[in-house]
C-alpha atoms as a PDB file:
ATOM      1  CA  MET A   1      -8.716  11.681 -20.740  1.00  0.00           C
ATOM      2  CA  LEU A   2      -6.087  12.301 -18.051  1.00  0.00           C
ATOM      3  CA  PRO A   3      -3.181  14.466 -19.279  1.00  0.00           C
ATOM      4  CA  ASP A   4      -0.489  15.936 -16.996  1.00  0.00           C
ATOM      5  CA  LEU A   5      -0.841  19.609 -16.219  1.00  0.00           C
ATOM      6  CA  TYR A   6       2.950  19.785 -15.663  1.00  0.00           C
ATOM      7  CA  PRO A   7       5.073  20.571 -17.564  1.00  0.00           C
ATOM      8  CA  TYR A   8       3.225  23.674 -18.678  1.00  0.00           C
ATOM      9  CA  ASN A   9       2.834  24.589 -22.367  1.00  0.00           C
ATOM     10  CA  VAL A  10       3.743  21.091 -23.582  1.00  0.00           C
ATOM     11  CA  GLY A  11       1.387  19.613 -26.179  1.00  0.00           C
ATOM     12  CA  VAL A  12      -0.843  22.651 -26.074  1.00  0.00           C
ATOM     13  CA  PRO A  13      -0.339  26.122 -24.624  1.00  0.00           C
ATOM     14  CA  HIS A  14      -1.523  26.040 -21.022  1.00  0.00           C
ATOM     15  CA  ALA A  15      -0.556  27.290 -17.578  1.00  0.00           C
ATOM     16  CA  ASN A  16      -3.492  25.917 -15.620  1.00  0.00           C
ATOM     17  CA  TYR A  17      -6.209  23.232 -15.621  1.00  0.00           C
ATOM     18  CA  SER A  18      -8.862  25.448 -17.280  1.00  0.00           C
ATOM     19  CA  GLN A  19      -6.626  26.243 -20.237  1.00  0.00           C
ATOM     20  CA  LEU A  20      -5.550  22.606 -20.676  1.00  0.00           C
ATOM     21  CA  ARG A  21      -9.174  21.388 -20.417  1.00  0.00           C
ATOM     22  CA  GLU A  22     -10.337  23.928 -23.045  1.00  0.00           C
ATOM     23  CA  CYS A  23      -7.586  22.894 -25.513  1.00  0.00           C
ATOM     24  CA  VAL A  24      -8.270  19.181 -25.028  1.00  0.00           C
ATOM     25  CA  LEU A  25     -12.029  19.649 -25.469  1.00  0.00           C
ATOM     26  CA  LYS A  26     -11.507  21.782 -28.574  1.00  0.00           C
ATOM     27  CA  SER A  27      -9.146  19.180 -30.022  1.00  0.00           C
ATOM     28  CA  PHE A  28     -11.566  16.321 -29.304  1.00  0.00           C
ATOM     29  CA  GLY A  29     -14.513  18.297 -30.734  1.00  0.00           C
ATOM     30  CA  SER A  30     -12.637  18.934 -33.980  1.00  0.00           C
ATOM     31  CA  LEU A  31     -12.357  15.190 -34.478  1.00  0.00           C
ATOM     32  CA  LEU A  32     -16.092  14.610 -34.246  1.00  0.00           C
ATOM     33  CA  SER A  33     -18.341  14.606 -37.244  1.00  0.00           C
ATOM     34  CA  ALA A  34     -21.710  16.399 -37.123  1.00  0.00           C
ATOM     35  CA  HIS A  35     -23.608  13.254 -36.181  1.00  0.00           C
ATOM     36  CA  GLU A  36     -21.120  12.466 -33.366  1.00  0.00           C
ATOM     37  CA  GLU A  37     -21.359  15.820 -31.591  1.00  0.00           C
ATOM     38  CA  ASP A  38     -23.584  14.347 -28.883  1.00  0.00           C
ATOM     39  CA  SER A  39     -20.492  12.420 -27.780  1.00  0.00           C
ATOM     40  CA  MET A  40     -19.119  15.616 -26.303  1.00  0.00           C
ATOM     41  CA  SER A  41     -21.518  15.330 -23.376  1.00  0.00           C
ATOM     42  CA  ARG A  42     -19.973  11.964 -22.451  1.00  0.00           C
ATOM     43  CA  PHE A  43     -16.374  13.227 -22.598  1.00  0.00           C
ATOM     44  CA  GLU A  44     -14.675  14.818 -19.615  1.00  0.00           C
ATOM     45  CA  VAL A  45     -11.146  16.027 -19.049  1.00  0.00           C
ATOM     46  CA  PHE A  46      -9.225  15.498 -15.827  1.00  0.00           C
ATOM     47  CA  CYS A  47      -5.548  16.021 -15.323  1.00  0.00           C
ATOM     48  CA  PHE A  48      -2.900  15.250 -12.762  1.00  0.00           C
ATOM     49  CA  LYS A  49      -1.309  18.421 -11.547  1.00  0.00           C
ATOM     50  CA  HIS A  50       1.952  16.468 -11.779  1.00  0.00           C
ATOM     51  CA  ASP A  51       2.965  13.072 -13.092  1.00  0.00           C
ATOM     52  CA  LEU A  52       1.428   9.831 -11.865  1.00  0.00           C
ATOM     53  CA  GLU A  53       4.120   9.808  -9.214  1.00  0.00           C
ATOM     54  CA  VAL A  54       2.160  12.349  -7.180  1.00  0.00           C
ATOM     55  CA  LEU A  55       0.035   9.386  -6.145  1.00  0.00           C
ATOM     56  CA  LEU A  56       3.133   7.609  -4.842  1.00  0.00           C
ATOM     57  CA  LEU A  57       4.001  10.539  -2.660  1.00  0.00           C
ATOM     58  CA  ALA A  58       0.434  10.367  -1.298  1.00  0.00           C
ATOM     59  CA  ALA A  59       0.992   6.644  -0.535  1.00  0.00           C
ATOM     60  CA  PHE A  60       3.965   7.468   1.714  1.00  0.00           C
ATOM     61  CA  GLU A  61       3.771   4.460   4.054  1.00  0.00           C
ATOM     62  CA  GLN A  62       3.415   1.978   1.178  1.00  0.00           C
ATOM     63  CA  LEU A  63       6.225   3.670  -0.731  1.00  0.00           C
ATOM     64  CA  GLN A  64       8.553   3.511   2.261  1.00  0.00           C
ATOM     65  CA  GLU A  65       7.672  -0.130   2.855  1.00  0.00           C
ATOM     66  CA  HIS A  66       8.368  -1.003  -0.775  1.00  0.00           C
ATOM     67  CA  LEU A  67      11.686   0.826  -0.762  1.00  0.00           C
ATOM     68  CA  GLY A  68      12.782  -0.839   2.501  1.00  0.00           C
ATOM     69  CA  ILE A  69      14.464   2.324   3.696  1.00  0.00           C
ATOM     70  CA  THR A  70      13.511   5.098   6.063  1.00  0.00           C
ATOM     71  CA  VAL A  71      12.339   7.993   3.932  1.00  0.00           C
ATOM     72  CA  HIS A  72      12.407  11.518   5.275  1.00  0.00           C
ATOM     73  CA  GLU A  73       9.767  13.576   3.572  1.00  0.00           C
ATOM     74  CA  THR A  74      11.603  16.281   1.687  1.00  0.00           C
ATOM     75  CA  TRP A  75       8.566  17.265  -0.314  1.00  0.00           C
ATOM     76  CA  LYS A  76       5.509  19.333   0.474  1.00  0.00           C
ATOM     77  CA  ARG A  77       2.888  17.579   2.607  1.00  0.00           C
ATOM     78  CA  GLU A  78       0.269  18.754   0.125  1.00  0.00           C
ATOM     79  CA  VAL A  79       1.633  16.458  -2.551  1.00  0.00           C
ATOM     80  CA  GLU A  80      -0.079  18.246  -5.449  1.00  0.00           C
ATOM     81  CA  GLU A  81       1.713  21.484  -4.517  1.00  0.00           C
ATOM     82  CA  GLN A  82       5.267  20.364  -5.393  1.00  0.00           C
ATOM     83  CA  ASP A  83       7.680  22.741  -7.012  1.00  0.00           C
ATOM     84  CA  ASP A  84       7.603  22.385 -10.803  1.00  0.00           C
ATOM     85  CA  ASN A  85      11.400  22.321 -10.819  1.00  0.00           C
ATOM     86  CA  ASN A  86      11.364  19.322  -8.520  1.00  0.00           C
ATOM     87  CA  PRO A  87       8.194  17.445  -9.518  1.00  0.00           C
ATOM     88  CA  PRO A  88       7.057  14.163  -7.936  1.00  0.00           C
ATOM     89  CA  LYS A  89       8.655  12.130 -10.752  1.00  0.00           C
ATOM     90  CA  LYS A  90      12.114  13.461  -9.860  1.00  0.00           C
ATOM     91  CA  ILE A  91      11.501  12.925  -6.141  1.00  0.00           C
ATOM     92  CA  ILE A  92      10.436   9.267  -6.715  1.00  0.00           C
ATOM     93  CA  GLN A  93      13.350   8.555  -9.037  1.00  0.00           C
ATOM     94  CA  SER A  94      15.733   9.937  -6.393  1.00  0.00           C
ATOM     95  CA  LEU A  95      14.186   7.788  -3.677  1.00  0.00           C
ATOM     96  CA  PHE A  96      14.500   4.643  -5.811  1.00  0.00           C
ATOM     97  CA  ARG A  97      18.150   5.456  -6.582  1.00  0.00           C
ATOM     98  CA  LYS A  98      18.799   5.891  -2.842  1.00  0.00           C
ATOM     99  CA  ALA A  99      17.166   2.510  -2.148  1.00  0.00           C
ATOM    100  CA  LYS A 100      19.093   0.950  -5.108  1.00  0.00           C
ATOM    101  CA  LYS A 101      15.859  -0.282  -6.678  1.00  0.00           C
ATOM    102  CA  ARG A 102      14.513  -0.051 -10.203  1.00  0.00           C
ATOM    103  CA  TYR A 103      11.401   2.019 -10.783  1.00  0.00           C
ATOM    104  CA  GLY A 104       8.765   1.609 -13.447  1.00  0.00           C
ATOM    105  CA  VAL A 105       5.002   1.704 -14.020  1.00  0.00           C
ATOM    106  CA  THR A 106       4.645  -1.851 -12.756  1.00  0.00           C
ATOM    107  CA  THR A 107       6.370  -0.859  -9.529  1.00  0.00           C
ATOM    108  CA  ALA A 108       4.012   2.082  -9.097  1.00  0.00           C
ATOM    109  CA  ALA A 109       1.038  -0.277  -9.531  1.00  0.00           C
ATOM    110  CA  GLU A 110       2.422  -2.629  -6.864  1.00  0.00           C
ATOM    111  CA  ILE A 111       2.801   0.223  -4.364  1.00  0.00           C
ATOM    112  CA  LEU A 112      -0.574   1.789  -5.092  1.00  0.00           C
ATOM    113  CA  ARG A 113      -2.344  -1.596  -4.899  1.00  0.00           C
ATOM    114  CA  ASN A 114      -1.469  -1.628  -1.177  1.00  0.00           C
ATOM    115  CA  ALA A 115      -2.686   1.931  -0.562  1.00  0.00           C
ATOM    116  CA  SER A 116      -6.153   3.053   0.399  1.00  0.00           C
ATOM    117  CA  LEU A 117      -8.048   4.843  -2.353  1.00  0.00           C
ATOM    118  CA  GLU A 118      -9.655   7.060   0.241  1.00  0.00           C
ATOM    119  CA  ASP A 119      -6.284   7.978   1.727  1.00  0.00           C
ATOM    120  CA  ILE A 120      -4.854   8.910  -1.687  1.00  0.00           C
ATOM    121  CA  ARG A 121      -7.974  10.785  -2.648  1.00  0.00           C
ATOM    122  CA  SER A 122      -7.806  12.872   0.564  1.00  0.00           C
ATOM    123  CA  LYS A 123      -4.135  13.675  -0.056  1.00  0.00           C
ATOM    124  CA  CYS A 124      -4.785  14.669  -3.712  1.00  0.00           C
ATOM    125  CA  PRO A 125      -7.924  16.795  -3.505  1.00  0.00           C
ATOM    126  CA  GLN A 126      -7.184  19.117  -6.468  1.00  0.00           C
ATOM    127  CA  SER A 127      -6.848  16.708  -9.391  1.00  0.00           C
ATOM    128  CA  PHE A 128      -7.151  13.077  -8.410  1.00  0.00           C
ATOM    129  CA  ALA A 129     -10.177  13.317  -6.101  1.00  0.00           C
ATOM    130  CA  PRO A 130     -12.458  14.891  -8.761  1.00  0.00           C
ATOM    131  CA  PHE A 131     -11.442  12.124 -11.217  1.00  0.00           C
ATOM    132  CA  VAL A 132     -12.291   9.391  -8.682  1.00  0.00           C
ATOM    133  CA  GLU A 133     -15.615  11.081  -7.818  1.00  0.00           C
ATOM    134  CA  TYR A 134     -16.507  11.264 -11.527  1.00  0.00           C
ATOM    135  CA  ILE A 135     -15.778   7.527 -12.023  1.00  0.00           C
ATOM    136  CA  GLU A 136     -17.788   6.639  -8.896  1.00  0.00           C
ATOM    137  CA  LYS A 137     -20.815   8.542 -10.287  1.00  0.00           C
ATOM    138  CA  LEU A 138     -20.648   6.411 -13.432  1.00  0.00           C
ATOM    139  CA  THR A 139     -20.500   3.177 -11.465  1.00  0.00           C
ATOM    140  CA  PRO A 140     -23.860   1.916 -10.193  1.00  0.00           C
END
């Protein structure tokens, strides 16, 4: 499961990853019957600190290339540390408006397809990197 940490207190009361993780695990556990409880050991919770768009900020060169405009970074270099009042989603939407392009999930996939996983992982060490590491451990 990969919920967004931001905005806080939406869905379940939380102000940080630990609180969100606890609520999600509790919710999942309540859905399991007694003979399914061993499933809990195969369930893990990760979250983006912000929306999926945090990955696009990490893929700066690919984003700029896709937009076809020169983009001046007006956001924090540590992309997971954006101001909650100006989250990555708002930044990305603003950049697409400036470039007079439409933005959607398909567009994000196109941009990220051209980015290096290692580069994005290194720029998103708090939330995305642990998720990738977990997936890699599962893959032989």
